[in-house]
Amino acid sequence: MAKLAKTETQPLSHAALSLRLFALYLGVNGLILLLLPNLLLGLLGLAPTGEPWIRVLGIIVFNLGLYYHAGADGVAFQRITVVTRVIVLAGFTGLVLAGLAPGLLVLFGLVDLTGAIWTALAMRRDRAVSQNASP
């Protein structure tokens, strides 16, 4: 019978840790959007809604957090998250500049940018540690 979990545990890399914590951030925001969407909308200065789409987004954001958690150890995944989180800030800023979203949305984009920088620096640190450990 195939084993479902690793029996050996390896220490979590710095980059993987940054993604696991970002996964937690996504999971919490996803649950808020699913269960208390108007709380987050109110913080953004947006009108409350009873529409189902905000809760659908909550499920998607929560699931995205699961992807981040599951993929945290993969270097290719780590790289693409750095790029996509920078894109989030650019997109949110564009929405604000176009007058389609409140300025506070940029703060959420800055969280993404901060996470991207942390992951990029952590990846660099992991590479340095790996190169120093090689004979």
N, C-alpha and C. Protein backbone atom coordinates (compact mmCIF):
# COMPACT_ATOMS: atom_id res chain seq x y z
N MET A 1 0.84 -1.18 0.00
CA MET A 1 0.00 0.00 0.00
C MET A 1 0.89 1.25 0.00
N ALA A 2 0.57 2.20 -0.84
CA ALA A 2 1.37 3.42 -0.96
C ALA A 2 1.21 4.28 0.29
N LYS A 3 2.31 4.91 0.65
CA LYS A 3 2.26 5.82 1.79
C LYS A 3 1.78 7.18 1.32
N LEU A 4 0.93 7.79 2.11
CA LEU A 4 0.38 9.09 1.75
C LEU A 4 1.21 10.25 2.26
N ALA A 5 2.06 10.01 3.24
CA ALA A 5 2.86 11.10 3.80
C ALA A 5 4.31 10.67 3.85
N LYS A 6 5.20 11.65 3.82
CA LYS A 6 6.62 11.36 3.94
C LYS A 6 6.91 10.83 5.34
N THR A 7 7.78 9.84 5.40
CA THR A 7 8.16 9.34 6.71
C THR A 7 9.35 10.12 7.25
N GLU A 8 10.18 10.67 6.35
CA GLU A 8 11.30 11.48 6.77
C GLU A 8 10.87 12.94 6.73
N THR A 9 11.26 13.67 7.75
CA THR A 9 10.95 15.09 7.73
C THR A 9 12.22 15.87 7.47
N GLN A 10 12.12 16.77 6.52
CA GLN A 10 13.23 17.66 6.22
C GLN A 10 12.88 19.03 6.77
N PRO A 11 13.92 19.77 7.17
CA PRO A 11 13.62 21.11 7.67
C PRO A 11 12.98 21.96 6.57
N LEU A 12 12.06 22.81 6.96
CA LEU A 12 11.37 23.68 6.02
C LEU A 12 12.35 24.75 5.54
N SER A 13 12.42 24.94 4.23
CA SER A 13 13.29 25.99 3.70
C SER A 13 12.70 27.35 4.06
N HIS A 14 13.55 28.36 3.96
CA HIS A 14 13.09 29.72 4.26
C HIS A 14 11.98 30.14 3.29
N ALA A 15 12.16 29.81 2.01
CA ALA A 15 11.15 30.17 1.01
C ALA A 15 9.84 29.43 1.27
N ALA A 16 9.94 28.15 1.62
CA ALA A 16 8.73 27.38 1.90
C ALA A 16 7.99 27.96 3.11
N LEU A 17 8.74 28.39 4.12
CA LEU A 17 8.12 29.00 5.29
C LEU A 17 7.36 30.26 4.89
N SER A 18 7.97 31.09 4.03
CA SER A 18 7.30 32.32 3.61
C SER A 18 5.99 32.00 2.88
N LEU A 19 6.00 30.94 2.08
CA LEU A 19 4.78 30.57 1.35
C LEU A 19 3.75 29.94 2.26
N ARG A 20 4.18 29.18 3.25
CA ARG A 20 3.22 28.60 4.19
C ARG A 20 2.51 29.69 4.99
N LEU A 21 3.24 30.72 5.37
CA LEU A 21 2.60 31.82 6.10
C LEU A 21 1.69 32.62 5.18
N PHE A 22 2.08 32.78 3.91
CA PHE A 22 1.21 33.46 2.96
C PHE A 22 -0.03 32.61 2.72
N ALA A 23 0.11 31.30 2.74
CA ALA A 23 -1.04 30.40 2.60
C ALA A 23 -2.02 30.63 3.75
N LEU A 24 -1.51 30.83 4.94
CA LEU A 24 -2.37 31.11 6.10
C LEU A 24 -3.12 32.43 5.90
N TYR A 25 -2.41 33.45 5.42
CA TYR A 25 -3.03 34.74 5.11
C TYR A 25 -4.16 34.57 4.10
N LEU A 26 -3.91 33.81 3.05
CA LEU A 26 -4.94 33.57 2.04
C LEU A 26 -6.12 32.79 2.63
N GLY A 27 -5.82 31.79 3.42
CA GLY A 27 -6.88 30.98 4.03
C GLY A 27 -7.79 31.80 4.92
N VAL A 28 -7.19 32.66 5.74
CA VAL A 28 -7.99 33.51 6.64
C VAL A 28 -8.85 34.48 5.82
N ASN A 29 -8.24 35.13 4.82
CA ASN A 29 -9.02 36.05 3.99
C ASN A 29 -10.12 35.33 3.22
N GLY A 30 -9.82 34.13 2.75
CA GLY A 30 -10.84 33.34 2.06
C GLY A 30 -12.02 33.03 2.96
N LEU A 31 -11.72 32.64 4.20
CA LEU A 31 -12.81 32.34 5.14
C LEU A 31 -13.61 33.59 5.48
N ILE A 32 -12.92 34.73 5.62
CA ILE A 32 -13.65 35.98 5.90
C ILE A 32 -14.57 36.31 4.73
N LEU A 33 -14.07 36.17 3.50
CA LEU A 33 -14.91 36.46 2.33
C LEU A 33 -16.08 35.48 2.23
N LEU A 34 -15.87 34.26 2.65
CA LEU A 34 -16.93 33.26 2.60
C LEU A 34 -17.96 33.47 3.71
N LEU A 35 -17.49 33.70 4.93
CA LEU A 35 -18.38 33.73 6.09
C LEU A 35 -18.84 35.13 6.49
N LEU A 36 -17.97 36.12 6.34
CA LEU A 36 -18.28 37.50 6.77
C LEU A 36 -17.82 38.48 5.70
N PRO A 37 -18.30 38.34 4.48
CA PRO A 37 -17.77 39.16 3.39
C PRO A 37 -17.93 40.66 3.60
N ASN A 38 -19.00 41.06 4.23
CA ASN A 38 -19.24 42.49 4.40
C ASN A 38 -18.27 43.13 5.39
N LEU A 39 -17.67 42.34 6.25
CA LEU A 39 -16.64 42.85 7.15
C LEU A 39 -15.45 43.36 6.33
N LEU A 40 -14.98 42.55 5.41
CA LEU A 40 -13.85 42.94 4.58
C LEU A 40 -14.24 44.06 3.60
N LEU A 41 -15.43 43.95 3.04
CA LEU A 41 -15.88 45.01 2.14
C LEU A 41 -15.97 46.36 2.85
N GLY A 42 -16.44 46.34 4.09
CA GLY A 42 -16.52 47.56 4.88
C GLY A 42 -15.15 48.17 5.14
N LEU A 43 -14.15 47.31 5.42
CA LEU A 43 -12.79 47.81 5.63
C LEU A 43 -12.24 48.48 4.37
N LEU A 44 -12.68 48.01 3.22
CA LEU A 44 -12.24 48.58 1.95
C LEU A 44 -13.08 49.78 1.53
N GLY A 45 -14.11 50.09 2.31
CA GLY A 45 -14.97 51.21 1.96
C GLY A 45 -15.95 50.87 0.85
N LEU A 46 -16.21 49.59 0.66
CA LEU A 46 -17.15 49.15 -0.37
C LEU A 46 -18.50 48.85 0.25
N ALA A 47 -19.53 48.99 -0.55
CA ALA A 47 -20.89 48.75 -0.07
C ALA A 47 -21.08 47.28 0.27
N PRO A 48 -21.84 47.00 1.31
CA PRO A 48 -22.15 45.60 1.64
C PRO A 48 -22.94 44.95 0.50
N THR A 49 -22.83 43.64 0.44
CA THR A 49 -23.53 42.92 -0.63
C THR A 49 -24.11 41.61 -0.10
N GLY A 50 -25.16 41.20 -0.74
CA GLY A 50 -25.74 39.89 -0.48
C GLY A 50 -25.54 38.97 -1.67
N GLU A 51 -24.84 39.48 -2.68
CA GLU A 51 -24.57 38.69 -3.89
C GLU A 51 -23.69 37.50 -3.55
N PRO A 52 -23.89 36.38 -4.23
CA PRO A 52 -23.10 35.19 -3.93
C PRO A 52 -21.65 35.27 -4.41
N TRP A 53 -21.33 36.17 -5.34
CA TRP A 53 -20.01 36.16 -5.96
C TRP A 53 -18.89 36.44 -4.99
N ILE A 54 -19.14 37.26 -3.99
CA ILE A 54 -18.08 37.56 -3.03
C ILE A 54 -17.74 36.30 -2.21
N ARG A 55 -18.75 35.48 -1.95
CA ARG A 55 -18.52 34.22 -1.23
C ARG A 55 -17.85 33.19 -2.13
N VAL A 56 -18.19 33.22 -3.42
CA VAL A 56 -17.51 32.35 -4.40
C VAL A 56 -16.03 32.72 -4.42
N LEU A 57 -15.73 34.02 -4.42
CA LEU A 57 -14.34 34.47 -4.37
C LEU A 57 -13.66 33.97 -3.09
N GLY A 58 -14.40 33.97 -1.99
CA GLY A 58 -13.85 33.46 -0.73
C GLY A 58 -13.41 32.01 -0.84
N ILE A 59 -14.21 31.20 -1.49
CA ILE A 59 -13.86 29.79 -1.69
C ILE A 59 -12.61 29.69 -2.56
N ILE A 60 -12.54 30.50 -3.61
CA ILE A 60 -11.38 30.48 -4.50
C ILE A 60 -10.12 30.92 -3.75
N VAL A 61 -10.21 31.99 -2.97
CA VAL A 61 -9.05 32.48 -2.23
C VAL A 61 -8.62 31.44 -1.19
N PHE A 62 -9.56 30.83 -0.52
CA PHE A 62 -9.23 29.78 0.45
C PHE A 62 -8.49 28.63 -0.25
N ASN A 63 -9.01 28.20 -1.40
CA ASN A 63 -8.37 27.11 -2.13
C ASN A 63 -6.99 27.52 -2.64
N LEU A 64 -6.84 28.77 -3.02
CA LEU A 64 -5.53 29.27 -3.44
C LEU A 64 -4.53 29.13 -2.28
N GLY A 65 -5.00 29.39 -1.08
CA GLY A 65 -4.16 29.19 0.10
C GLY A 65 -3.72 27.74 0.25
N LEU A 66 -4.62 26.81 -0.07
CA LEU A 66 -4.25 25.39 -0.02
C LEU A 66 -3.18 25.07 -1.06
N TYR A 67 -3.30 25.67 -2.25
CA TYR A 67 -2.26 25.48 -3.27
C TYR A 67 -0.92 26.01 -2.79
N TYR A 68 -0.94 27.18 -2.19
CA TYR A 68 0.30 27.75 -1.67
C TYR A 68 0.92 26.83 -0.62
N HIS A 69 0.09 26.29 0.24
CA HIS A 69 0.60 25.38 1.27
C HIS A 69 1.19 24.12 0.64
N ALA A 70 0.47 23.54 -0.29
CA ALA A 70 0.92 22.29 -0.91
C ALA A 70 2.15 22.49 -1.78
N GLY A 71 2.25 23.62 -2.46
CA GLY A 71 3.35 23.84 -3.38
C GLY A 71 4.55 24.53 -2.78
N ALA A 72 4.51 24.83 -1.50
CA ALA A 72 5.53 25.65 -0.86
C ALA A 72 6.95 25.12 -1.02
N ASP A 73 7.12 23.82 -1.14
CA ASP A 73 8.46 23.24 -1.23
C ASP A 73 9.02 23.25 -2.65
N GLY A 74 8.20 23.51 -3.64
CA GLY A 74 8.66 23.46 -5.03
C GLY A 74 9.29 24.77 -5.47
N VAL A 75 10.51 24.69 -5.98
CA VAL A 75 11.24 25.89 -6.39
C VAL A 75 10.53 26.60 -7.55
N ALA A 76 10.01 25.85 -8.51
CA ALA A 76 9.30 26.48 -9.63
C ALA A 76 8.06 27.22 -9.11
N PHE A 77 7.36 26.62 -8.17
CA PHE A 77 6.19 27.27 -7.59
C PHE A 77 6.62 28.53 -6.83
N GLN A 78 7.70 28.44 -6.08
CA GLN A 78 8.19 29.60 -5.35
C GLN A 78 8.48 30.75 -6.30
N ARG A 79 9.14 30.45 -7.41
CA ARG A 79 9.48 31.49 -8.40
C ARG A 79 8.24 32.17 -8.97
N ILE A 80 7.26 31.37 -9.37
CA ILE A 80 6.09 31.95 -10.02
C ILE A 80 5.26 32.77 -9.03
N THR A 81 5.28 32.40 -7.76
CA THR A 81 4.52 33.20 -6.79
C THR A 81 5.13 34.57 -6.61
N VAL A 82 6.44 34.68 -6.74
CA VAL A 82 7.07 36.00 -6.65
C VAL A 82 6.53 36.88 -7.78
N VAL A 83 6.48 36.34 -8.98
CA VAL A 83 5.99 37.09 -10.14
C VAL A 83 4.51 37.44 -9.98
N THR A 84 3.70 36.46 -9.63
CA THR A 84 2.25 36.72 -9.58
C THR A 84 1.87 37.68 -8.46
N ARG A 85 2.61 37.68 -7.37
CA ARG A 85 2.28 38.60 -6.29
C ARG A 85 2.66 40.03 -6.63
N VAL A 86 3.68 40.21 -7.45
CA VAL A 86 4.00 41.55 -7.95
C VAL A 86 2.88 42.00 -8.91
N ILE A 87 2.39 41.06 -9.72
CA ILE A 87 1.29 41.37 -10.64
C ILE A 87 0.04 41.80 -9.87
N VAL A 88 -0.20 41.19 -8.72
CA VAL A 88 -1.36 41.58 -7.90
C VAL A 88 -1.27 43.05 -7.52
N LEU A 89 -0.10 43.48 -7.05
CA LEU A 89 0.05 44.90 -6.69
C LEU A 89 -0.17 45.78 -7.90
N ALA A 90 0.40 45.42 -9.04
CA ALA A 90 0.23 46.22 -10.25
C ALA A 90 -1.25 46.29 -10.65
N GLY A 91 -1.93 45.17 -10.59
CA GLY A 91 -3.34 45.13 -10.95
C GLY A 91 -4.20 45.94 -10.00
N PHE A 92 -3.97 45.79 -8.70
CA PHE A 92 -4.74 46.54 -7.71
C PHE A 92 -4.49 48.04 -7.87
N THR A 93 -3.24 48.41 -8.10
CA THR A 93 -2.91 49.82 -8.30
C THR A 93 -3.61 50.36 -9.54
N GLY A 94 -3.62 49.58 -10.60
CA GLY A 94 -4.31 49.98 -11.83
C GLY A 94 -5.80 50.19 -11.60
N LEU A 95 -6.42 49.31 -10.83
CA LEU A 95 -7.84 49.47 -10.52
C LEU A 95 -8.11 50.75 -9.75
N VAL A 96 -7.22 51.05 -8.80
CA VAL A 96 -7.38 52.28 -8.01
C VAL A 96 -7.18 53.51 -8.90
N LEU A 97 -6.13 53.51 -9.71
CA LEU A 97 -5.85 54.65 -10.59
C LEU A 97 -6.97 54.88 -11.60
N ALA A 98 -7.63 53.80 -12.02
CA ALA A 98 -8.73 53.92 -12.98
C ALA A 98 -10.03 54.33 -12.30
N GLY A 99 -10.00 54.47 -10.97
CA GLY A 99 -11.19 54.87 -10.24
C GLY A 99 -12.20 53.75 -10.06
N LEU A 100 -11.74 52.51 -10.24
CA LEU A 100 -12.64 51.35 -10.13
C LEU A 100 -12.62 50.70 -8.75
N ALA A 101 -11.68 51.12 -7.91
CA ALA A 101 -11.56 50.51 -6.58
C ALA A 101 -11.02 51.57 -5.61
N PRO A 102 -11.32 51.41 -4.32
CA PRO A 102 -10.82 52.37 -3.33
C PRO A 102 -9.31 52.21 -3.13
N GLY A 103 -8.67 53.30 -2.73
CA GLY A 103 -7.23 53.32 -2.53
C GLY A 103 -6.72 52.29 -1.54
N LEU A 104 -7.55 51.92 -0.58
CA LEU A 104 -7.14 50.94 0.43
C LEU A 104 -6.78 49.60 -0.19
N LEU A 105 -7.30 49.32 -1.37
CA LEU A 105 -6.99 48.05 -2.04
C LEU A 105 -5.49 47.91 -2.29
N VAL A 106 -4.80 49.02 -2.48
CA VAL A 106 -3.36 48.99 -2.70
C VAL A 106 -2.64 48.38 -1.49
N LEU A 107 -3.19 48.58 -0.29
CA LEU A 107 -2.57 47.98 0.90
C LEU A 107 -2.56 46.45 0.81
N PHE A 108 -3.63 45.87 0.28
CA PHE A 108 -3.65 44.43 0.10
C PHE A 108 -2.59 44.01 -0.92
N GLY A 109 -2.42 44.82 -1.95
CA GLY A 109 -1.37 44.56 -2.93
C GLY A 109 0.01 44.68 -2.32
N LEU A 110 0.18 45.61 -1.37
CA LEU A 110 1.47 45.75 -0.70
C LEU A 110 1.78 44.53 0.17
N VAL A 111 0.75 43.91 0.73
CA VAL A 111 0.97 42.65 1.46
C VAL A 111 1.52 41.60 0.50
N ASP A 112 0.95 41.54 -0.70
CA ASP A 112 1.44 40.60 -1.71
C ASP A 112 2.88 40.92 -2.09
N LEU A 113 3.18 42.20 -2.31
CA LEU A 113 4.54 42.59 -2.67
C LEU A 113 5.53 42.24 -1.55
N THR A 114 5.14 42.51 -0.32
CA THR A 114 6.00 42.17 0.82
C THR A 114 6.27 40.67 0.86
N GLY A 115 5.22 39.89 0.64
CA GLY A 115 5.39 38.44 0.60
C GLY A 115 6.29 38.01 -0.54
N ALA A 116 6.15 38.65 -1.70
CA ALA A 116 6.99 38.32 -2.85
C ALA A 116 8.46 38.61 -2.56
N ILE A 117 8.72 39.76 -1.96
CA ILE A 117 10.10 40.12 -1.62
C ILE A 117 10.66 39.15 -0.60
N TRP A 118 9.86 38.81 0.41
CA TRP A 118 10.31 37.86 1.43
C TRP A 118 10.65 36.52 0.78
N THR A 119 9.78 36.03 -0.08
CA THR A 119 10.03 34.75 -0.73
C THR A 119 11.28 34.81 -1.61
N ALA A 120 11.43 35.89 -2.38
CA ALA A 120 12.61 36.03 -3.25
C ALA A 120 13.90 36.05 -2.43
N LEU A 121 13.91 36.80 -1.35
CA LEU A 121 15.09 36.84 -0.49
C LEU A 121 15.34 35.49 0.18
N ALA A 122 14.27 34.83 0.58
CA ALA A 122 14.39 33.52 1.21
C ALA A 122 14.93 32.49 0.22
N MET A 123 14.50 32.58 -1.04
CA MET A 123 15.02 31.67 -2.07
C MET A 123 16.52 31.90 -2.26
N ARG A 124 16.93 33.16 -2.27
CA ARG A 124 18.36 33.47 -2.39
C ARG A 124 19.13 32.89 -1.21
N ARG A 125 18.57 33.04 -0.01
CA ARG A 125 19.22 32.50 1.19
C ARG A 125 19.31 30.98 1.12
N ASP A 126 18.21 30.34 0.67
CA ASP A 126 18.21 28.88 0.56
C ASP A 126 19.28 28.41 -0.43
N ARG A 127 19.42 29.13 -1.56
CA ARG A 127 20.45 28.78 -2.56
C ARG A 127 21.84 28.90 -1.96
N ALA A 128 22.08 29.98 -1.20
CA ALA A 128 23.38 30.19 -0.58
C ALA A 128 23.70 29.09 0.41
N VAL A 129 22.72 28.71 1.21
CA VAL A 129 22.91 27.65 2.19
C VAL A 129 23.20 26.33 1.47
N SER A 130 22.45 26.08 0.41
CA SER A 130 22.63 24.85 -0.37
C SER A 130 24.02 24.81 -1.02
N GLN A 131 24.48 25.92 -1.57
CA GLN A 131 25.79 25.96 -2.21
C GLN A 131 26.91 25.80 -1.19
N ASN A 132 26.74 26.35 -0.01
CA ASN A 132 27.75 26.22 1.04
C ASN A 132 27.79 24.81 1.61
N ALA A 133 26.66 24.10 1.53
CA ALA A 133 26.59 22.75 2.07
C ALA A 133 27.16 21.72 1.09
N SER A 134 27.27 22.10 -0.20
CA SER A 134 27.80 21.19 -1.21
C SER A 134 29.30 21.02 -1.04
N PRO A 135 29.78 19.76 -1.23
CA PRO A 135 31.24 19.53 -1.07
C PRO A 135 32.03 20.10 -2.20
